[in-house]
C-alpha cells in the first residue's frame, strides 16, 4: 500500500471554501480503481492548513493517480489557492488498510 500525507497551506480567503474548491479532484480520485482513501482534515492548530491523507493499493494505482487527467488539472489549478508549495510525505508499507491502535486502553464491553 502507498500512503501519502500532504499539508496544504490555503490562502485565508479560500480556507472556508477549500473542501468545495477541491471537491472535483477529491471525487475523481476517490473513484479511481486502487484508491483506498482520500480524506481531507482541517488542522486544529492552523485554520488555513488542510491535511490530505490518501492511500492507494499499490505503486501501480499510485502511478495511475499521478498520471490521470484530474490530477494534472488539479495541479495546474489548485496552486492559485495556496500560500506555498504543499509539503508531502509518501511511503510504501506492507499492509492493506488501517490497523487498530493496540496501545490504547479501551473497554469495548
Protein backbone atom coordinates (compact mmCIF):
# COMPACT_ATOMS: atom_id res chain seq x y z
CA UNK A 1 0.00 0.00 0.00
CA UNK A 2 1.21 3.51 -0.83
CA UNK A 3 0.28 6.11 1.79
CA UNK A 4 0.62 9.83 1.28
CA UNK A 5 0.10 12.78 3.61
CA UNK A 6 0.05 16.30 2.18
CA UNK A 7 -0.21 19.56 4.11
CA UNK A 8 -1.93 22.25 2.03
CA UNK A 9 -1.38 25.86 3.23
CA UNK A 10 -4.52 27.51 1.88
CA UNK A 11 -4.85 31.28 1.48
CA UNK A 12 -7.09 32.59 4.28
CA UNK A 13 -9.65 34.00 1.86
CA UNK A 14 -10.20 30.49 0.42
CA UNK A 15 -9.98 28.36 3.57
CA UNK A 16 -13.72 28.38 4.16
CA UNK A 17 -14.32 27.14 0.61
CA UNK A 18 -11.41 24.69 0.30
CA UNK A 19 -13.47 21.50 0.50
CA UNK A 20 -15.71 22.76 -2.31
CA UNK A 21 -12.72 24.05 -4.32
CA UNK A 22 -11.04 20.64 -4.14
CA UNK A 23 -14.28 18.62 -4.49
CA UNK A 24 -13.93 17.68 -8.17
CA UNK A 25 -10.36 16.44 -7.59
CA UNK A 26 -11.42 14.59 -4.45
CA UNK A 27 -14.38 12.83 -6.04
CA UNK A 28 -12.45 11.85 -9.16
CA UNK A 29 -9.61 10.45 -7.08
CA UNK A 30 -11.92 8.51 -4.78
CA UNK A 31 -13.46 6.89 -7.88
CA UNK A 32 -10.10 5.61 -9.14
CA UNK A 33 -9.51 1.85 -9.07
CA UNK A 34 -6.99 1.21 -6.32
CA UNK A 35 -7.74 4.33 -4.27
CA UNK A 36 -8.26 3.13 -0.71
CA UNK A 37 -8.97 6.55 0.79
CA UNK A 38 -8.57 10.23 0.05
CA UNK A 39 -9.55 12.21 3.14
CA UNK A 40 -9.24 15.89 3.99
CA UNK A 41 -8.98 17.30 7.52
CA UNK A 42 -8.55 20.84 8.76
CA UNK A 43 -5.67 21.49 11.12
CA UNK A 44 -6.67 22.26 14.70
CA UNK A 45 -3.58 24.49 15.02
CA UNK A 46 -3.91 26.46 11.78
CA UNK A 47 -7.38 27.01 10.29
CA UNK A 48 -5.77 27.74 6.91
CA UNK A 49 -3.98 24.40 6.70
CA UNK A 50 -5.68 21.30 5.33
CA UNK A 51 -4.19 17.83 5.67
CA UNK A 52 -4.85 15.27 2.96
CA UNK A 53 -4.38 11.61 3.84
CA UNK A 54 -4.51 9.31 0.87
CA UNK A 55 -3.74 5.68 0.18
CA UNK A 56 -3.52 3.53 -2.92
CA UNK A 57 -3.48 -0.26 -3.14
CA UNK A 58 -0.02 -0.35 -4.72
CA UNK A 59 2.50 1.57 -6.78
CA UNK A 60 0.58 0.92 -9.98
CA UNK A 61 -2.56 2.54 -8.53
CA UNK A 62 -0.49 5.46 -7.27
CA UNK A 63 1.11 5.82 -10.68
CA UNK A 64 -2.26 5.86 -12.41
CA UNK A 65 -3.34 8.57 -9.98
CA UNK A 66 -0.46 10.95 -10.69
CA UNK A 67 -0.81 10.34 -14.42
CA UNK A 68 -4.58 10.94 -14.51
CA UNK A 69 -6.21 13.89 -16.22
CA UNK A 70 -7.88 15.03 -13.00
CA UNK A 71 -4.53 15.04 -11.17
CA UNK A 72 -2.96 17.17 -13.93
CA UNK A 73 -5.94 19.54 -13.84
CA UNK A 74 -5.77 19.86 -10.05
CA UNK A 75 -2.03 20.50 -10.05
CA UNK A 76 -2.50 23.18 -12.71
CA UNK A 77 -5.35 24.94 -10.90
CA UNK A 78 -5.04 24.48 -7.12
CA UNK A 79 -1.80 26.45 -6.88
CA UNK A 80 -3.67 29.74 -7.04
CA UNK A 81 -5.35 28.94 -3.71
CA UNK A 82 -2.26 28.16 -1.61
CA UNK A 83 0.36 30.32 0.09
CA UNK A 84 3.25 27.90 -0.54
CA UNK A 85 4.02 24.60 -2.20
CA UNK A 86 2.28 21.83 -0.20
CA UNK A 87 4.51 19.54 1.88
CA UNK A 88 4.30 15.78 1.35
CA UNK A 89 5.30 12.50 2.95
CA UNK A 90 4.91 9.37 0.83
CA UNK A 91 5.80 5.83 1.74
CA UNK A 92 5.05 2.22 0.93
CA UNK A 93 4.01 -0.15 3.70
CA UNK A 94 3.18 -3.82 3.79
CA UNK A 95 -0.49 -3.73 4.75
CA UNK A 96 -3.80 -3.10 3.03
CA UNK A 97 -5.73 -0.87 5.41
CA UNK A 98 -5.92 0.57 8.89
CA UNK A 99 -4.75 -1.31 11.98
CA UNK A 100 -6.11 -0.76 15.48
CA UNK A 101 -4.05 1.26 17.96
CA UNK A 102 -3.27 -1.57 20.36
CA UNK A 103 -1.61 0.65 22.96
CA UNK A 104 -4.84 2.49 23.81
CA UNK A 105 -6.60 1.25 26.94
CA UNK A 106 -10.13 0.66 25.69
CA UNK A 107 -13.11 -1.05 27.27
CA UNK A 108 -15.14 -2.35 24.35
CA UNK A 109 -17.66 -4.18 26.56
